[in-house]
C-alpha atoms as a PDB file:
ATOM      1  CA  MET A   1     227.970 237.503  84.110  1.00  0.00           C
ATOM      2  CA  ALA A   2     229.868 237.889  87.383  1.00  0.00           C
ATOM      3  CA  LEU A   3     231.843 234.882  88.531  1.00  0.00           C
ATOM      4  CA  PRO A   4     230.942 233.380  91.905  1.00  0.00           C
ATOM      5  CA  THR A   5     233.146 233.634  94.964  1.00  0.00           C
ATOM      6  CA  ILE A   6     234.541 230.162  95.708  1.00  0.00           C
ATOM      7  CA  ILE A   7     236.120 229.470  99.089  1.00  0.00           C
ATOM      8  CA  LEU A   8     237.852 226.162  99.853  1.00  0.00           C
ATOM      9  CA  ASN A   9     237.696 225.161 103.517  1.00  0.00           C
ATOM     10  CA  ASN A  10     240.238 222.720 104.972  1.00  0.00           C
ATOM     11  CA  GLN A  11     238.581 220.331 107.418  1.00  0.00           C
ATOM     12  CA  THR A  12     241.875 218.728 108.463  1.00  0.00           C
ATOM     13  CA  ALA A  13     244.793 219.720 110.702  1.00  0.00           C
ATOM     14  CA  SER A  14     247.287 219.670 107.813  1.00  0.00           C
ATOM     15  CA  ASP A  15     247.881 221.897 104.807  1.00  0.00           C
ATOM     16  CA  ILE A  16     246.423 220.538 101.559  1.00  0.00           C
ATOM     17  CA  ASP A  17     248.293 221.318  98.346  1.00  0.00           C
ATOM     18  CA  LEU A  18     246.220 221.361  95.187  1.00  0.00           C
ATOM     19  CA  VAL A  19     248.920 221.179  92.549  1.00  0.00           C
ATOM     20  CA  GLN A  20     246.833 221.681  89.423  1.00  0.00           C
ATOM     21  CA  LEU A  21     245.066 224.673  90.923  1.00  0.00           C
ATOM     22  CA  ALA A  22     248.322 226.037  92.362  1.00  0.00           C
ATOM     23  CA  VAL A  23     246.573 226.555  95.667  1.00  0.00           C
ATOM     24  CA  THR A  24     247.435 225.552  99.231  1.00  0.00           C
ATOM     25  CA  VAL A  25     244.528 225.334 101.623  1.00  0.00           C
ATOM     26  CA  PRO A  26     245.950 225.980 105.106  1.00  0.00           C
ATOM     27  CA  ALA A  27     245.320 223.556 107.957  1.00  0.00           C
ATOM     28  CA  SER A  28     241.880 224.194 109.486  1.00  0.00           C
ATOM     29  CA  GLY A  29     241.736 227.309 107.332  1.00  0.00           C
ATOM     30  CA  SER A  30     240.292 228.623 104.101  1.00  0.00           C
ATOM     31  CA  VAL A  31     241.409 230.125 100.835  1.00  0.00           C
ATOM     32  CA  THR A  32     239.463 232.105  98.255  1.00  0.00           C
ATOM     33  CA  VAL A  33     240.050 230.986  94.679  1.00  0.00           C
ATOM     34  CA  SER A  34     239.850 233.831  92.196  1.00  0.00           C
ATOM     35  CA  ASP A  35     242.004 232.914  89.204  1.00  0.00           C
ATOM     36  CA  PHE A  36     239.430 231.208  86.976  1.00  0.00           C
ATOM     37  CA  ASN A  37     237.132 231.947  84.055  1.00  0.00           C
ATOM     38  CA  PHE A  38     234.475 229.300  84.676  1.00  0.00           C
ATOM     39  CA  THR A  39     233.268 227.582  87.842  1.00  0.00           C
ATOM     40  CA  ASP A  40     234.074 224.180  86.357  1.00  0.00           C
ATOM     41  CA  GLU A  41     237.758 225.070  86.115  1.00  0.00           C
ATOM     42  CA  ILE A  42     237.825 224.821  89.917  1.00  0.00           C
ATOM     43  CA  LEU A  43     235.216 222.227  90.818  1.00  0.00           C
ATOM     44  CA  ASN A  44     236.147 219.851  87.995  1.00  0.00           C
ATOM     45  CA  ASP A  45     239.694 219.514  89.329  1.00  0.00           C
ATOM     46  CA  GLU A  46     240.160 215.791  90.014  1.00  0.00           C
ATOM     47  CA  GLU A  47     242.515 216.372  92.943  1.00  0.00           C
ATOM     48  CA  LEU A  48     239.995 218.696  94.592  1.00  0.00           C
ATOM     49  CA  GLN A  49     237.204 216.191  94.005  1.00  0.00           C
ATOM     50  CA  VAL A  50     239.179 213.504  95.871  1.00  0.00           C
ATOM     51  CA  HIS A  51     239.482 215.772  98.912  1.00  0.00           C
ATOM     52  CA  ILE A  52     235.808 216.744  98.706  1.00  0.00           C
ATOM     53  CA  ASP A  53     234.740 213.083  98.576  1.00  0.00           C
ATOM     54  CA  ALA A  54     236.943 212.393 101.619  1.00  0.00           C
ATOM     55  CA  ASP A  55     235.308 215.284 103.539  1.00  0.00           C
ATOM     56  CA  GLU A  56     238.718 216.932 103.790  1.00  0.00           C
ATOM     57  CA  ILE A  57     237.705 220.039 101.882  1.00  0.00           C
ATOM     58  CA  SER A  58     234.324 221.736 101.791  1.00  0.00           C
ATOM     59  CA  VAL A  59     233.225 224.480  99.419  1.00  0.00           C
ATOM     60  CA  THR A  60     231.532 227.789 100.120  1.00  0.00           C
ATOM     61  CA  TYR A  61     229.874 229.104  96.967  1.00  0.00           C
ATOM     62  CA  ASP A  62     228.854 232.768  96.952  1.00  0.00           C
ATOM     63  CA  GLY A  63     228.557 232.680 100.729  1.00  0.00           C
ATOM     64  CA  ASP A  64     226.613 229.414 100.905  1.00  0.00           C
ATOM     65  CA  PRO A  65     228.297 226.322 102.375  1.00  0.00           C
ATOM     66  CA  LEU A  66     227.724 223.384 100.025  1.00  0.00           C
ATOM     67  CA  THR A  67     227.314 219.707 100.835  1.00  0.00           C
ATOM     68  CA  VAL A  68     229.255 217.150  98.796  1.00  0.00           C
ATOM     69  CA  GLU A  69     226.143 216.512  96.690  1.00  0.00           C
ATOM     70  CA  GLN A  70     225.542 220.214  96.102  1.00  0.00           C
ATOM     71  CA  THR A  71     229.167 220.717  95.091  1.00  0.00           C
ATOM     72  CA  LYS A  72     229.020 217.877  92.568  1.00  0.00           C
ATOM     73  CA  ALA A  73     225.803 219.288  91.133  1.00  0.00           C
ATOM     74  CA  LYS A  74     227.730 222.399  90.079  1.00  0.00           C
ATOM     75  CA  ILE A  75     230.381 220.366  88.280  1.00  0.00           C
ATOM     76  CA  LEU A  76     230.185 219.950  84.522  1.00  0.00           C
ATOM     77  CA  PRO A  77     230.574 216.159  84.379  1.00  0.00           C
ATOM     78  CA  GLN A  78     233.251 214.827  82.065  1.00  0.00           C
ATOM     79  CA  GLN A  79     231.563 211.439  81.799  1.00  0.00           C
ATOM     80  CA  ALA A  80     227.931 210.336  81.983  1.00  0.00           C
ATOM     81  CA  LEU A  81     228.762 208.254  85.065  1.00  0.00           C
ATOM     82  CA  ASP A  82     229.654 211.449  86.929  1.00  0.00           C
ATOM     83  CA  ILE A  83     226.029 212.605  86.803  1.00  0.00           C
ATOM     84  CA  LEU A  84     223.470 211.640  89.438  1.00  0.00           C
ATOM     85  CA  HIS A  85     220.522 209.819  87.866  1.00  0.00           C
ATOM     86  CA  ASN A  86     217.326 208.360  89.321  1.00  0.00           C
ATOM     87  CA  LEU A  87     216.404 205.325  87.253  1.00  0.00           C
ATOM     88  CA  LEU A  88     214.213 203.633  89.882  1.00  0.00           C
ATOM     89  CA  ALA A  89     211.735 206.397  90.720  1.00  0.00           C
ATOM     90  CA  ILE A  90     208.059 205.733  91.355  1.00  0.00           C
ATOM     91  CA  VAL A  91     206.994 209.376  90.913  1.00  0.00           C
ATOM     92  CA  ASP A  92     207.803 212.165  88.455  1.00  0.00           C
ATOM     93  CA  PRO A  93     210.527 214.700  89.335  1.00  0.00           C
ATOM     94  CA  VAL A  94     209.563 218.072  90.814  1.00  0.00           C
ATOM     95  CA  ALA A  95     211.232 221.469  91.150  1.00  0.00           C
ATOM     96  CA  THR A  96     212.995 220.476  94.375  1.00  0.00           C
ATOM     97  CA  ASP A  97     214.771 217.583  92.655  1.00  0.00           C
ATOM     98  CA  ASP A  98     217.528 220.092  92.063  1.00  0.00           C
ATOM     99  CA  GLU A  99     221.225 220.818  92.597  1.00  0.00           C
ATOM    100  CA  ASP A 100     220.646 220.724  96.351  1.00  0.00           C
ATOM    101  CA  ALA A 101     219.595 217.085  95.930  1.00  0.00           C
ATOM    102  CA  GLY A 102     222.684 216.363  93.825  1.00  0.00           C
ATOM    103  CA  TYR A 103     221.119 216.555  90.355  1.00  0.00           C
ATOM    104  CA  SER A 104     222.642 218.530  87.489  1.00  0.00           C
ATOM    105  CA  ILE A 105     221.976 219.386  83.872  1.00  0.00           C
ATOM    106  CA  GLY A 106     221.927 216.088  82.001  1.00  0.00           C
ATOM    107  CA  SER A 107     220.586 213.990  84.894  1.00  0.00           C
ATOM    108  CA  PHE A 108     218.064 211.354  83.848  1.00  0.00           C
ATOM    109  CA  TRP A 109     214.968 210.344  85.793  1.00  0.00           C
ATOM    110  CA  VAL A 110     212.798 207.323  84.995  1.00  0.00           C
ATOM    111  CA  ASN A 111     209.386 206.740  86.581  1.00  0.00           C
ATOM    112  CA  GLY A 112     209.171 202.948  86.648  1.00  0.00           C
ATOM    113  CA  ILE A 113     205.423 203.009  87.283  1.00  0.00           C
ATOM    114  CA  THR A 114     204.408 205.079  84.268  1.00  0.00           C
ATOM    115  CA  ARG A 115     207.516 204.226  82.206  1.00  0.00           C
ATOM    116  CA  ARG A 116     208.003 207.937  81.609  1.00  0.00           C
ATOM    117  CA  SER A 117     211.496 209.429  81.371  1.00  0.00           C
ATOM    118  CA  PHE A 118     212.823 212.925  82.027  1.00  0.00           C
ATOM    119  CA  GLN A 119     216.077 214.839  81.642  1.00  0.00           C
ATOM    120  CA  CYS A 120     217.152 217.784  83.775  1.00  0.00           C
ATOM    121  CA  VAL A 121     217.729 220.977  81.779  1.00  0.00           C
ATOM    122  CA  ASN A 122     217.988 223.341  84.753  1.00  0.00           C
ATOM    123  CA  ALA A 123     219.068 222.250  88.250  1.00  0.00           C
ATOM    124  CA  SER A 124     218.665 225.574  90.059  1.00  0.00           C
ATOM    125  CA  GLY A 125     217.693 225.303  93.723  1.00  0.00           C
ATOM    126  CA  ALA A 126     213.939 224.722  94.204  1.00  0.00           C
ATOM    127  CA  ALA A 127     213.421 225.607  90.532  1.00  0.00           C
ATOM    128  CA  ALA A 128     214.682 222.550  88.667  1.00  0.00           C
ATOM    129  CA  ILE A 129     213.252 221.961  85.206  1.00  0.00           C
ATOM    130  CA  TRP A 130     212.871 218.422  83.867  1.00  0.00           C
ATOM    131  CA  ARG A 131     211.867 217.790  80.262  1.00  0.00           C
ATOM    132  CA  SER A 132     209.866 214.644  79.606  1.00  0.00           C
ATOM    133  CA  SER A 133     209.912 212.349  76.597  1.00  0.00           C
ATOM    134  CA  ALA A 134     206.271 213.207  76.017  1.00  0.00           C
ATOM    135  CA  GLY A 135     207.083 214.384  72.514  1.00  0.00           C
ATOM    136  CA  ASN A 136     207.138 210.727  71.459  1.00  0.00           C
ATOM    137  CA  SER A 137     203.947 209.844  73.325  1.00  0.00           C
ATOM    138  CA  PRO A 138     200.716 209.012  71.520  1.00  0.00           C
ATOM    139  CA  THR A 139     197.659 211.257  71.462  1.00  0.00           C
ATOM    140  CA  LEU A 140     194.288 209.783  72.401  1.00  0.00           C
ATOM    141  CA  ALA A 141     191.347 211.220  70.476  1.00  0.00           C
ATOM    142  CA  TRP A 142     187.558 211.231  70.620  1.00  0.00           C
ATOM    143  CA  GLY A 143     184.855 213.047  68.683  1.00  0.00           C
ATOM    144  CA  ASN A 144     181.272 213.248  67.477  1.00  0.00           C
ATOM    145  CA  ARG A 145     179.183 215.420  65.219  1.00  0.00           C
ATOM    146  CA  THR A 146     177.310 216.671  68.291  1.00  0.00           C
ATOM    147  CA  VAL A 147     176.854 215.996  72.018  1.00  0.00           C
ATOM    148  CA  SER A 148     173.156 217.086  71.966  1.00  0.00           C
ATOM    149  CA  GLY A 149     171.749 220.073  73.825  1.00  0.00           C
ATOM    150  CA  THR A 150     169.824 218.206  76.535  1.00  0.00           C
ATOM    151  CA  THR A 151     171.036 217.222  80.015  1.00  0.00           C
ATOM    152  CA  THR A 152     171.254 213.550  79.078  1.00  0.00           C
ATOM    153  CA  THR A 153     174.756 212.201  79.834  1.00  0.00           C
ATOM    154  CA  ARG A 154     176.646 211.219  76.733  1.00  0.00           C
ATOM    155  CA  TYR A 155     179.976 209.594  75.817  1.00  0.00           C
ATOM    156  CA  LEU A 156     182.323 210.584  73.013  1.00  0.00           C
ATOM    157  CA  ASP A 157     183.364 207.968  70.460  1.00  0.00           C
ATOM    158  CA  PRO A 158     187.078 207.097  70.339  1.00  0.00           C
ATOM    159  CA  TRP A 159     188.830 208.334  67.204  1.00  0.00           C
ATOM    160  CA  GLY A 160     185.647 210.199  66.223  1.00  0.00           C
ATOM    161  CA  ASP A 161     182.294 209.448  64.619  1.00  0.00           C
ATOM    162  CA  PHE A 162     181.441 212.711  62.965  1.00  0.00           C
ATOM    163  CA  GLY A 163     178.289 211.383  61.351  1.00  0.00           C
ATOM    164  CA  ASP A 164     176.493 210.732  64.623  1.00  0.00           C
ATOM    165  CA  VAL A 165     175.527 212.141  67.996  1.00  0.00           C
ATOM    166  CA  ALA A 166     177.506 210.958  71.033  1.00  0.00           C
ATOM    167  CA  THR A 167     176.023 207.825  72.583  1.00  0.00           C
ATOM    168  CA  THR A 168     174.020 207.741  75.832  1.00  0.00           C
ATOM    169  CA  ASP A 169     175.283 204.232  76.598  1.00  0.00           C
ATOM    170  CA  GLY A 170     178.064 204.500  79.157  1.00  0.00           C
ATOM    171  CA  ILE A 171     178.214 200.760  79.824  1.00  0.00           C
ATOM    172  CA  THR A 172     178.899 199.107  76.482  1.00  0.00           C
ATOM    173  CA  ASN A 173     180.169 202.182  74.663  1.00  0.00           C
ATOM    174  CA  ALA A 174     183.358 201.989  72.609  1.00  0.00           C
ATOM    175  CA  ARG A 175     186.466 202.799  74.669  1.00  0.00           C
ATOM    176  CA  ILE A 176     190.231 203.018  74.244  1.00  0.00           C
ATOM    177  CA  VAL A 177     192.211 200.249  75.955  1.00  0.00           C
ATOM    178  CA  ALA A 178     195.591 201.102  77.488  1.00  0.00           C
ATOM    179  CA  THR A 179     198.288 198.830  76.037  1.00  0.00           C
ATOM    180  CA  ARG A 180     200.770 199.787  78.786  1.00  0.00           C
ATOM    181  CA  ASN A 181     200.948 201.604  82.100  1.00  0.00           C
ATOM    182  CA  GLY A 182     200.945 205.349  81.634  1.00  0.00           C
ATOM    183  CA  THR A 183     199.519 208.730  82.474  1.00  0.00           C
ATOM    184  CA  ILE A 184     196.812 210.710  80.700  1.00  0.00           C
ATOM    185  CA  ARG A 185     197.366 214.463  80.734  1.00  0.00           C
ATOM    186  CA  ASN A 186     196.845 217.651  78.715  1.00  0.00           C
ATOM    187  CA  LEU A 187     193.164 217.228  77.848  1.00  0.00           C
ATOM    188  CA  TYR A 188     191.993 219.582  75.087  1.00  0.00           C
ATOM    189  CA  VAL A 189     188.378 219.890  73.915  1.00  0.00           C
ATOM    190  CA  ARG A 190     187.211 221.784  70.854  1.00  0.00           C
ATOM    191  CA  HIS A 191     183.784 222.849  69.589  1.00  0.00           C
ATOM    192  CA  GLY A 192     184.253 223.157  65.847  1.00  0.00           C
ATOM    193  CA  ASN A 193     180.996 225.097  65.604  1.00  0.00           C
ATOM    194  CA  PRO A 194     180.138 226.691  68.988  1.00  0.00           C
ATOM    195  CA  ASP A 195     176.430 227.205  69.548  1.00  0.00           C
ATOM    196  CA  GLY A 196     173.674 227.296  72.164  1.00  0.00           C
ATOM    197  CA  ASN A 197     172.921 229.517  75.141  1.00  0.00           C
ATOM    198  CA  GLY A 198     176.385 229.466  76.754  1.00  0.00           C
ATOM    199  CA  ASN A 199     175.615 227.030  79.577  1.00  0.00           C
ATOM    200  CA  ASP A 200     178.499 224.800  80.618  1.00  0.00           C
ATOM    201  CA  ILE A 201     179.371 221.419  79.170  1.00  0.00           C
ATOM    202  CA  VAL A 202     181.684 219.219  81.251  1.00  0.00           C
ATOM    203  CA  TYR A 203     184.007 216.694  79.602  1.00  0.00           C
ATOM    204  CA  THR A 204     185.429 214.109  82.027  1.00  0.00           C
ATOM    205  CA  VAL A 205     187.979 211.373  81.394  1.00  0.00           C
ATOM    206  CA  ARG A 206     186.819 208.052  82.869  1.00  0.00           C
ATOM    207  CA  VAL A 207     188.984 205.021  83.616  1.00  0.00           C
ATOM    208  CA  ASN A 208     187.124 201.705  83.725  1.00  0.00           C
ATOM    209  CA  GLY A 209     183.890 203.692  83.878  1.00  0.00           C
ATOM    210  CA  ALA A 210     184.920 205.776  86.899  1.00  0.00           C
ATOM    211  CA  PRO A 211     185.166 209.589  86.553  1.00  0.00           C
ATOM    212  CA  THR A 212     188.605 211.111  87.205  1.00  0.00           C
ATOM    213  CA  SER A 213     189.885 214.575  88.077  1.00  0.00           C
ATOM    214  CA  LEU A 214     190.919 215.197  84.467  1.00  0.00           C
ATOM    215  CA  THR A 215     188.018 217.336  83.281  1.00  0.00           C
ATOM    216  CA  VAL A 216     187.367 220.324  81.039  1.00  0.00           C
ATOM    217  CA  THR A 217     184.427 222.652  81.651  1.00  0.00           C
ATOM    218  CA  MET A 218     183.522 225.027  78.845  1.00  0.00           C
ATOM    219  CA  ALA A 219     180.528 227.029  77.677  1.00  0.00           C
ATOM    220  CA  SER A 220     178.623 225.717  74.671  1.00  0.00           C
ATOM    221  CA  THR A 221     179.628 228.959  72.937  1.00  0.00           C
ATOM    222  CA  ASP A 222     183.357 228.438  73.599  1.00  0.00           C
ATOM    223  CA  SER A 223     185.499 227.126  70.783  1.00  0.00           C
ATOM    224  CA  GLN A 224     188.285 225.500  72.830  1.00  0.00           C
ATOM    225  CA  ALA A 225     189.349 224.778  76.408  1.00  0.00           C
ATOM    226  CA  SER A 226     191.942 222.606  78.128  1.00  0.00           C
ATOM    227  CA  ASN A 227     193.175 221.098  81.389  1.00  0.00           C
ATOM    228  CA  THR A 228     196.959 220.888  81.532  1.00  0.00           C
ATOM    229  CA  THR A 229     197.134 220.717  85.335  1.00  0.00           C
ATOM    230  CA  ASP A 230     195.536 217.401  86.311  1.00  0.00           C
ATOM    231  CA  SER A 231     196.652 213.943  85.229  1.00  0.00           C
ATOM    232  CA  VAL A 232     195.408 210.374  85.600  1.00  0.00           C
ATOM    233  CA  ALA A 233     197.443 207.196  86.075  1.00  0.00           C
ATOM    234  CA  VAL A 234     196.293 204.253  83.950  1.00  0.00           C
ATOM    235  CA  LEU A 235     197.309 200.600  84.126  1.00  0.00           C
ATOM    236  CA  GLU A 236     197.764 198.284  81.182  1.00  0.00           C
ATOM    237  CA  GLY A 237     194.418 196.788  80.178  1.00  0.00           C
ATOM    238  CA  GLN A 238     192.247 199.526  81.674  1.00  0.00           C
ATOM    239  CA  ASN A 239     189.792 201.293  79.363  1.00  0.00           C
ATOM    240  CA  ILE A 240     189.406 205.008  78.833  1.00  0.00           C
ATOM    241  CA  ASP A 241     186.504 207.132  77.627  1.00  0.00           C
ATOM    242  CA  ILE A 242     185.105 210.654  77.948  1.00  0.00           C
ATOM    243  CA  GLU A 243     181.816 211.425  79.644  1.00  0.00           C
ATOM    244  CA  VAL A 244     179.853 214.535  78.654  1.00  0.00           C
ATOM    245  CA  THR A 245     177.499 216.131  81.197  1.00  0.00           C
ATOM    246  CA  LYS A 246     175.417 219.320  81.431  1.00  0.00           C
ATOM    247  CA  ALA A 247     173.703 220.737  84.516  1.00  0.00           C
ATOM    248  CA  ALA A 248     171.205 222.530  82.269  1.00  0.00           C
ATOM    249  CA  SER A 249     170.228 222.439  78.627  1.00  0.00           C
ATOM    250  CA  VAL A 250     172.488 224.352  76.267  1.00  0.00           C
ATOM    251  CA  GLY A 251     169.795 224.726  73.614  1.00  0.00           C
ATOM    252  CA  ASN A 252     171.387 224.259  70.221  1.00  0.00           C
ATOM    253  CA  ALA A 253     174.385 222.004  70.778  1.00  0.00           C
ATOM    254  CA  PRO A 254     177.822 222.827  69.378  1.00  0.00           C
ATOM    255  CA  ASP A 255     178.860 220.749  66.371  1.00  0.00           C
ATOM    256  CA  ALA A 256     182.084 218.943  65.441  1.00  0.00           C
ATOM    257  CA  VAL A 257     183.140 218.178  69.035  1.00  0.00           C
ATOM    258  CA  THR A 258     186.623 216.719  69.436  1.00  0.00           C
ATOM    259  CA  ALA A 259     188.804 215.867  72.414  1.00  0.00           C
ATOM    260  CA  GLN A 260     192.487 214.929  72.592  1.00  0.00           C
ATOM    261  CA  ALA A 261     194.743 213.927  75.473  1.00  0.00           C
ATOM    262  CA  LEU A 262     198.388 212.953  75.751  1.00  0.00           C
ATOM    263  CA  PHE A 263     199.227 209.417  76.920  1.00  0.00           C
ATOM    264  CA  THR A 264     202.709 209.330  78.411  1.00  0.00           C
END
């Protein structure tokens, strides 16, 4: 892989000697640094970092002038304290929470509302990738032997009741109670034995009895479908269930219906 072109720009009226790099940046001038094998050999230099922090030297990286934050984002930190973290966020990180915003590989992000944490694994501009701790998050599950073929609205039983049809009681039905603040995402629904005429069945996550945007629509003849795009914020103490609706009869209903969602 080709090494980048790194130019050091002197913002002062005096020469700046960088002893460790064996480079002198002329007063109000620039110098191109070429004798290195890795970018960090240059940007990790402590003497250079002091001048960057003091706005005495700026860096041009492959033709792009960098801010102080952008420069630090390209440094391989020698200590955890050198990395920019966001431990007081109220939203999840997005692709633009990147090197241009000062983040780097290893940065941590904590959403204090959902108590969900992330770590940056790629800080590329406008394409940052943050991995969540969802791997340790519980899975919520519902299921019934059948959801019936009629248009009557039904509600799946939490943790599954495979000896019975889903209830029509959406008021006093069994529900899962959130034991902490969190987010429900990645809803998967499966028909163990697809059947019927192929009309749609809609599975909707409800919070405290109110329908949310986290839904899965699938034909009665489909075996599995999912929604990994939408998510729903839930507060501690709120209850969660899944409503099942059909605009038209599906005839013979699919059997062994299960639904799972991730609670992060």
